[in-house]
Each structure stands twice: as structure tokens, then as C-alpha cells.
Amino acid sequence: MSTPLDTPWKQILDCYFPQFMTFFFPDANCAIDWRRGFDFLDNELQQVTRESETGKRIVDRLVKVYLHSGEENWLLLHIEIQNQKEKDFNERIYIYSTRLFDKFRRPVASFAVLGDTDRYWRPQSFQLAALGSRHDFSFQIAKLVDYRQPGAQWSELLETSNNPFAIVVRAHLAAQATKGKASQQRRQQRKYNLTVVLYERGYSKQEVIDLYRFIDWVMTLPPALEEVFRADLETYEREKNMPYISTIERMGEARGEARGKLEGKLELLHVLLTAQVGGISVETTEQMKQLSIEQMDQLALESRGFTSIDELTEWLKQKNSPSL
């Protein structure tokens, strides 16, 4: 069962950005003066990524932060969440960094969280050299597969840390480990166990809701197993006198409304593209269903220049959300 990852990662990153930096990049986090706040620069990053689009990504964010080292000392953090290997990924990060510097004339620090399953793929530098001139660029990465190693410092952190991203990483890895129809019952049990941890670890009610939203997105279940999961969770909450289930149910209804909007956009997009490029196959329609609302909006804009079904197919091949 595949799950688009851009929406849950974007939501949890936006809710808990300082905790994200604390968990994955603690040294950089210590240099940031969080008391002065921070700003997401979505529009500015979109301008840069449109100009230098070269590959797939799940989530990228541009954040303005201040440092402890000076009253007016601020810089930009470029954050990428990448779930699959990508050729020339390091080159793309370099391109974004140089374009951002050109636009703002401020230092740019780049960070990437790599959620793929290949422990040997670790892009974190890019070099250019010619006739005595040389560009050396490096950036920090966090590799989620490292947290799977039993007994390692990182795996122990998942079991002991109250940082929300300890739960995020556990959910991500659990979803990867339970792909396919044969693993759905095991996924249901792991989803239940992980949700129970939210209550036992002492998270606030809002943190429970936010983190459950992430778990629910990446660990989707068939309807029958989802019913078992919710019944078990309701029993647990009743026994522990933690009546969050009503909130979770309302959240599920809201998610259903969001899916309804997604289906509505898909229907309109289907009509638009049919008029633009002709008949659309069932396979292509299924690929379109994997897009987020934001990607559908992007496709609606960019498809104005399409002249054939092959261009649509290529766009979907390049931009379709990676899945677990």
C-alpha cells in the first residue's frame, strides 16, 4: 500500500521545526537563536525551484533564522526531505544554494533528510573544477535507515527521546517495513503500538493529535484492519481514561473531507487534460491519483503547454510523489 509523503512531512515539519533541527542536526540547532523566531519563505523558494527544477523531492523548505553570534546575523536554512535515490541530488542542492545566495546575498545552510532504504547512498558534497578554479560545496544529511541498527546510538534515541521526530522516524521506518498486502496485519499492530506510545510518553494532547495525523497518513490500512485498529485504540483510551479518540475521529472526518477535495480536483483536472491532450488511460489516471493537492494545482498550470499525452506521462513520471 503506497502513501504519498509530501503532505504528512510538510505538516509535521511546519508544526515542529525547532524540534526537527534539535533531533536531526543538534550542532546547527545550538547556533540558532530561537527566541527571535523564524520565518518560512515559501514563495521565495518556489521561485528558485521553478528556475532550476532537476529532480524529485518530497518536501523542501526555506527558513530564515537568527544566530546567537550577532544581533543582525541571520541566514537561510534550506531543508530537503528525500525518500528515494536521485541521480545528481547533490548537484540540485548546490544549484538551489547558489540561486538562493544570488537572490538574498545571505549565507545558506543546506540540510537533507534521506528516507530511502539504501544505506550506502549518502550524497553530501558537490565539486566543480576547471583551469585552476574550484567550487567545493557540502551539506549535512540525516539518514533514516541508520536508526534501524539495533543497539546504535540513533536507535536508542528513538526509544528514549520525547522529541516528536522520534515518533516520526519510527512511523516512517515501520511503514517501510510493512509494505505490501502480506504485511498489512503486522502494520496494523505496529500502528497500534506506536499510537499507544504517544500516550505513554507524556506528549501533550495537541502533540498526540499532530503525531497521530502523521502516523495515520504514512501507515494507511485496509478498511477492515482500520476498524480493528480503532476499536483496539478506543478500548485502550477507555481503560486509561484518555478520551482522545473523539478528537481522532473528528480528525479522520476532516481527512475524509480533504480526500473529497482531492477527488474533486482530480475530476476537474481529468476534464482539463482530456481537452488538452486527448484520451487519458486508466493507468495515467491512477498515477494522477497519487498527486497531492499542491501537485495537482501545479499540473493544472504547467499542462497548458502540453501538446501530447507523452508530455503528461513524462510529467507524472518526474513529479509523482515518492511512496513508502
Protein backbone atom coordinates (compact mmCIF):
# COMPACT_ATOMS: atom_id res chain seq x y z
CA MET A 1 0.00 0.00 0.00
CA SER A 2 1.70 3.21 -1.16
CA THR A 3 1.31 6.53 0.58
CA PRO A 4 2.26 9.98 -0.77
CA LEU A 5 4.60 11.52 1.78
CA ASP A 6 4.71 15.20 0.94
CA THR A 7 1.62 16.19 2.96
CA PRO A 8 2.44 14.49 6.30
CA TRP A 9 6.11 15.51 6.24
CA LYS A 10 5.26 19.10 5.36
CA GLN A 11 2.65 19.34 8.11
CA ILE A 12 4.83 17.89 10.85
CA LEU A 13 7.84 19.98 9.78
CA ASP A 14 5.78 23.16 9.86
CA CYS A 15 4.37 22.32 13.32
CA TYR A 16 7.66 21.36 14.95
CA PHE A 17 10.50 22.93 13.02
CA PRO A 18 12.76 23.76 16.03
CA GLN A 19 12.31 20.18 17.26
CA PHE A 20 13.23 18.95 13.77
CA MET A 21 16.55 20.78 13.94
CA THR A 22 17.16 19.61 17.51
CA PHE A 23 16.60 15.97 16.59
CA PHE A 24 18.40 15.69 13.26
CA PHE A 25 21.00 18.48 13.34
CA PRO A 26 21.75 19.31 17.01
CA ASP A 27 25.00 21.20 16.38
CA ALA A 28 23.33 23.60 13.96
CA ASN A 29 20.39 23.89 16.32
CA CYS A 30 22.62 25.14 19.13
CA ALA A 31 23.77 28.06 16.97
CA ILE A 32 20.23 29.27 16.26
CA ASP A 33 18.57 31.86 18.48
CA TRP A 34 15.01 30.51 18.52
CA ARG A 35 13.91 33.36 20.83
CA ARG A 36 13.98 35.67 17.81
CA GLY A 37 11.62 33.44 15.90
CA PHE A 38 11.90 32.12 12.35
CA ASP A 39 10.10 32.58 9.05
CA PHE A 40 9.20 30.14 6.28
CA LEU A 41 9.91 31.69 2.88
CA ASP A 42 7.69 29.56 0.65
CA ASN A 43 7.25 31.97 -2.24
CA GLU A 44 10.94 32.73 -2.48
CA LEU A 45 11.87 29.05 -2.59
CA GLN A 46 9.23 28.29 -5.22
CA GLN A 47 10.78 30.91 -7.48
CA VAL A 48 14.17 29.24 -7.17
CA THR A 49 12.93 25.67 -7.59
CA ARG A 50 10.91 26.56 -10.68
CA GLU A 51 14.02 28.05 -12.25
CA SER A 52 16.22 25.03 -11.51
CA GLU A 53 13.89 22.03 -11.41
CA THR A 54 16.04 18.94 -11.98
CA GLY A 55 14.63 16.10 -9.91
CA LYS A 56 12.16 14.64 -7.45
CA ARG A 57 11.70 15.65 -3.87
CA ILE A 58 9.08 15.23 -1.19
CA VAL A 59 9.36 18.40 0.85
CA ASP A 60 11.69 21.35 0.65
CA ARG A 61 11.53 24.36 2.93
CA LEU A 62 13.38 27.65 3.12
CA VAL A 63 13.61 29.12 6.59
CA LYS A 64 15.01 32.43 7.81
CA VAL A 65 16.64 32.10 11.24
CA TYR A 66 18.82 34.23 13.50
CA LEU A 67 22.04 33.16 15.19
CA HIS A 68 23.32 33.72 18.70
CA SER A 69 26.51 35.22 17.31
CA GLY A 70 25.15 38.61 16.29
CA GLU A 71 22.16 40.92 16.57
CA GLU A 72 21.65 41.15 12.81
CA ASN A 73 23.26 37.85 11.93
CA TRP A 74 20.63 35.86 10.06
CA LEU A 75 20.87 33.20 7.41
CA LEU A 76 18.72 30.80 5.40
CA LEU A 77 18.20 27.12 6.06
CA HIS A 78 17.32 25.04 3.01
CA ILE A 79 15.66 21.79 4.12
CA GLU A 80 15.02 18.78 1.87
CA ILE A 81 13.16 15.59 2.76
CA GLN A 82 14.06 12.98 0.13
CA ASN A 83 12.59 9.49 0.13
CA GLN A 84 14.33 7.82 -2.80
CA LYS A 85 17.68 7.84 -4.53
CA GLU A 86 18.03 10.58 -7.09
CA LYS A 87 20.72 10.99 -9.67
CA ASP A 88 22.59 14.29 -9.21
CA PHE A 89 20.79 15.06 -5.95
CA ASN A 90 23.90 16.81 -4.62
CA GLU A 91 24.08 18.92 -7.78
CA ARG A 92 20.48 20.05 -7.29
CA ILE A 93 21.15 21.09 -3.71
CA TYR A 94 24.18 23.04 -4.94
CA ILE A 95 22.07 24.77 -7.61
CA TYR A 96 19.43 25.77 -5.07
CA SER A 97 22.07 27.06 -2.67
CA THR A 98 23.77 29.24 -5.27
CA ARG A 99 20.49 30.63 -6.57
CA LEU A 100 19.33 31.43 -3.05
CA PHE A 101 22.58 33.23 -2.30
CA ASP A 102 22.26 35.16 -5.54
CA LYS A 103 18.74 36.22 -4.59
CA PHE A 104 19.31 37.14 -0.92
CA ARG A 105 23.06 37.69 -0.61
CA ARG A 106 22.92 35.83 2.71
CA PRO A 107 24.63 32.60 3.81
CA VAL A 108 22.65 29.44 3.02
CA ALA A 109 22.95 26.28 5.12
CA SER A 110 21.59 23.16 3.43
CA PHE A 111 20.27 20.07 5.20
CA ALA A 112 18.76 16.86 3.80
CA VAL A 113 16.86 14.05 5.50
CA LEU A 114 17.19 10.90 3.37
CA GLY A 115 14.38 8.42 3.88
CA ASP A 116 15.33 5.83 1.24
CA THR A 117 16.36 2.26 2.05
CA ASP A 118 19.88 2.25 0.55
CA ARG A 119 22.27 2.76 3.45
CA TYR A 120 25.16 3.42 1.05
CA TRP A 121 23.56 6.36 -0.78
CA ARG A 122 24.82 9.41 1.10
CA PRO A 123 25.15 12.45 -1.18
CA GLN A 124 26.54 15.37 0.81
CA SER A 125 29.01 17.24 -1.40
CA PHE A 126 29.46 18.63 -4.90
CA GLN A 127 32.62 19.84 -6.64
CA LEU A 128 33.37 21.76 -9.81
CA ALA A 129 36.89 22.36 -11.08
CA ALA A 130 38.37 23.84 -14.25
CA LEU A 131 41.67 25.52 -15.09
CA GLY A 132 42.67 26.18 -11.52
CA SER A 133 39.22 27.32 -10.35
CA ARG A 134 37.34 25.12 -7.91
CA HIS A 135 33.97 25.09 -6.17
CA ASP A 136 33.64 22.81 -3.11
CA PHE A 137 30.13 22.54 -1.66
CA SER A 138 28.98 20.31 1.18
CA PHE A 139 25.79 19.93 3.19
CA GLN A 140 24.60 17.95 6.17
CA ILE A 141 22.44 14.85 5.88
CA ALA A 142 20.48 12.62 8.25
CA LYS A 143 19.93 9.05 7.03
CA LEU A 144 16.77 7.48 8.46
CA VAL A 145 17.88 3.93 7.70
CA ASP A 146 20.68 4.40 10.26
CA TYR A 147 18.08 4.40 13.03
CA ARG A 148 17.29 0.76 12.26
CA GLN A 149 20.65 -0.51 13.55
CA PRO A 150 19.99 -2.36 16.85
CA GLY A 151 21.97 -1.01 19.75
CA ALA A 152 23.19 2.04 17.86
CA GLN A 153 23.01 5.46 19.48
CA TRP A 154 20.36 6.53 16.99
CA SER A 155 18.10 3.53 17.62
CA GLU A 156 18.34 4.12 21.37
CA LEU A 157 17.32 7.72 20.76
CA LEU A 158 14.08 6.57 19.16
CA GLU A 159 13.22 4.59 22.27
CA THR A 160 14.06 7.27 24.83
CA SER A 161 13.58 10.71 23.26
CA ASN A 162 10.40 12.75 23.76
CA ASN A 163 11.18 14.77 20.64
CA PRO A 164 8.22 14.44 18.22
CA PHE A 165 10.58 13.37 15.44
CA ALA A 166 11.47 10.21 17.34
CA ILE A 167 7.88 9.15 16.62
CA VAL A 168 8.08 10.45 13.04
CA VAL A 169 11.16 8.33 12.30
CA ARG A 170 9.64 5.25 13.94
CA ALA A 171 6.46 5.63 11.86
CA HIS A 172 8.47 6.14 8.68
CA LEU A 173 10.57 3.03 9.27
CA ALA A 174 7.56 0.96 10.33
CA ALA A 175 5.73 1.92 7.15
CA GLN A 176 8.74 0.90 5.05
CA ALA A 177 8.96 -2.43 6.87
CA THR A 178 5.28 -3.27 6.29
CA LYS A 179 4.83 -2.59 2.58
CA GLY A 180 2.63 -4.94 0.59
CA LYS A 181 -0.60 -6.80 1.21
CA ALA A 182 1.08 -9.63 3.09
CA SER A 183 2.32 -7.23 5.79
CA GLN A 184 -0.87 -5.30 6.48
CA GLN A 185 -1.81 -7.17 9.66
CA ARG A 186 1.68 -6.56 11.01
CA ARG A 187 1.31 -2.90 10.04
CA GLN A 188 -1.96 -2.68 11.96
CA GLN A 189 -0.28 -4.00 15.11
CA ARG A 190 2.73 -1.70 14.75
CA LYS A 191 0.46 1.28 14.12
CA TYR A 192 -1.44 0.47 17.31
CA ASN A 193 1.74 0.01 19.36
CA LEU A 194 3.18 3.27 18.09
CA THR A 195 -0.03 5.19 18.78
CA VAL A 196 -0.06 3.85 22.35
CA VAL A 197 3.47 5.23 22.78
CA LEU A 198 2.01 8.71 22.19
CA TYR A 199 0.01 8.37 25.41
CA GLU A 200 2.66 6.61 27.46
CA ARG A 201 5.47 9.02 26.55
CA GLY A 202 3.68 12.02 28.08
CA TYR A 203 3.05 14.08 24.95
CA SER A 204 0.52 16.88 25.19
CA LYS A 205 -2.93 16.39 23.70
CA GLN A 206 -2.03 18.57 20.69
CA GLU A 207 1.20 16.64 20.14
CA VAL A 208 -0.74 13.38 20.26
CA ILE A 209 -3.14 14.70 17.62
CA ASP A 210 -0.37 16.04 15.37
CA LEU A 211 1.77 12.92 15.62
CA TYR A 212 -1.18 10.60 15.17
CA ARG A 213 -2.02 12.50 12.00
CA PHE A 214 1.46 11.67 10.67
CA ILE A 215 1.21 8.01 11.71
CA ASP A 216 -2.22 7.70 10.14
CA TRP A 217 -1.05 9.18 6.84
CA VAL A 218 2.04 7.02 6.37
CA MET A 219 0.63 3.79 7.87
CA THR A 220 -2.66 3.54 5.99
CA LEU A 221 -4.62 0.31 6.44
CA PRO A 222 -7.34 -1.54 4.54
CA PRO A 223 -10.83 -0.65 5.90
CA ALA A 224 -11.27 -3.91 7.83
CA LEU A 225 -7.94 -3.60 9.65
CA GLU A 226 -8.55 0.12 10.23
CA GLU A 227 -11.73 -0.85 12.09
CA VAL A 228 -9.77 -3.29 14.26
CA PHE A 229 -7.15 -0.64 14.97
CA ARG A 230 -9.71 1.98 16.02
CA ALA A 231 -11.62 -0.49 18.20
CA ASP A 232 -8.42 -1.52 20.00
CA LEU A 233 -7.42 2.11 20.47
CA GLU A 234 -10.84 3.07 21.81
CA THR A 235 -10.63 0.25 24.35
CA TYR A 236 -7.17 1.38 25.42
CA GLU A 237 -8.26 5.00 25.83
CA ARG A 238 -11.30 3.98 27.87
CA GLU A 239 -9.14 1.87 30.19
CA LYS A 240 -6.57 4.66 30.62
CA ASN A 241 -9.19 7.42 30.87
CA MET A 242 -7.60 9.31 27.98
CA PRO A 243 -10.57 10.26 25.79
CA TYR A 244 -8.66 11.49 22.76
CA ILE A 245 -10.47 9.11 20.45
CA SER A 246 -13.26 11.63 19.78
CA THR A 247 -10.66 14.11 18.60
CA ILE A 248 -9.00 11.49 16.42
CA GLU A 249 -12.37 10.55 14.95
CA ARG A 250 -13.07 14.19 14.10
CA MET A 251 -9.62 14.37 12.56
CA GLY A 252 -10.49 11.32 10.47
CA GLU A 253 -13.62 13.08 9.27
CA ALA A 254 -11.55 16.13 8.34
CA ARG A 255 -9.16 13.86 6.47
CA GLY A 256 -12.16 12.44 4.63
CA GLU A 257 -13.19 15.96 3.65
CA ALA A 258 -9.66 16.64 2.40
CA ARG A 259 -9.79 13.48 0.31
CA GLY A 260 -13.12 14.66 -1.08
CA LYS A 261 -11.49 17.90 -2.18
CA LEU A 262 -8.67 15.88 -3.71
CA GLU A 263 -11.14 13.79 -5.70
CA GLY A 264 -12.93 16.92 -6.86
CA LYS A 265 -9.67 18.44 -8.09
CA LEU A 266 -8.79 15.18 -9.81
CA GLU A 267 -12.10 15.17 -11.68
CA LEU A 268 -11.64 18.75 -12.88
CA LEU A 269 -8.03 18.07 -13.83
CA HIS A 270 -9.11 15.00 -15.79
CA VAL A 271 -11.56 17.09 -17.82
CA LEU A 272 -8.93 19.78 -18.43
CA LEU A 273 -6.25 17.35 -19.56
CA THR A 274 -8.63 15.36 -21.76
CA ALA A 275 -9.44 18.54 -23.65
CA GLN A 276 -5.73 19.41 -23.80
CA VAL A 277 -4.09 16.13 -24.85
CA GLY A 278 -6.92 13.72 -25.67
CA GLY A 279 -7.97 10.47 -24.02
CA ILE A 280 -6.30 9.55 -20.72
CA SER A 281 -5.69 5.88 -19.88
CA VAL A 282 -6.70 4.18 -16.64
CA GLU A 283 -3.00 3.77 -15.77
CA THR A 284 -2.35 7.50 -16.20
CA THR A 285 -5.43 8.31 -14.10
CA GLU A 286 -4.10 6.07 -11.32
CA GLN A 287 -0.81 7.96 -11.41
CA MET A 288 -2.68 11.24 -11.10
CA LYS A 289 -4.46 9.92 -8.00
CA GLN A 290 -1.08 9.75 -6.25
CA LEU A 291 -0.59 13.51 -6.55
CA SER A 292 -1.15 15.90 -3.67
CA ILE A 293 -3.48 18.89 -3.99
CA GLU A 294 -0.45 21.15 -4.47
CA GLN A 295 0.90 18.93 -7.25
CA MET A 296 -2.49 18.87 -8.96
CA ASP A 297 -2.55 22.67 -8.92
CA GLN A 298 0.97 22.68 -10.38
CA LEU A 299 -0.06 20.22 -13.09
CA ALA A 300 -3.09 22.34 -13.99
CA LEU A 301 -0.79 25.31 -14.59
CA GLU A 302 2.01 23.52 -16.40
CA SER A 303 -0.29 21.38 -18.56
CA ARG A 304 -1.32 24.46 -20.54
CA GLY A 305 1.81 23.94 -22.60
CA PHE A 306 1.28 20.20 -23.17
CA THR A 307 0.62 19.12 -26.75
CA SER A 308 0.56 15.33 -26.35
CA ILE A 309 -0.21 12.57 -23.87
CA ASP A 310 3.51 11.74 -23.82
CA GLU A 311 4.26 15.09 -22.17
CA LEU A 312 1.69 14.36 -19.46
CA THR A 313 3.14 10.88 -18.93
CA GLU A 314 6.66 12.28 -18.61
CA TRP A 315 5.49 14.96 -16.15
CA LEU A 316 3.88 12.33 -13.95
CA LYS A 317 6.97 10.15 -14.16
CA GLN A 318 9.17 13.01 -12.95
CA LYS A 319 6.86 14.59 -10.39
CA ASN A 320 4.71 11.83 -8.93
CA SER A 321 5.16 11.71 -5.16
CA PRO A 322 7.60 9.03 -3.93
CA SER A 323 5.92 6.40 -1.80
CA LEU A 324 6.86 4.10 1.01
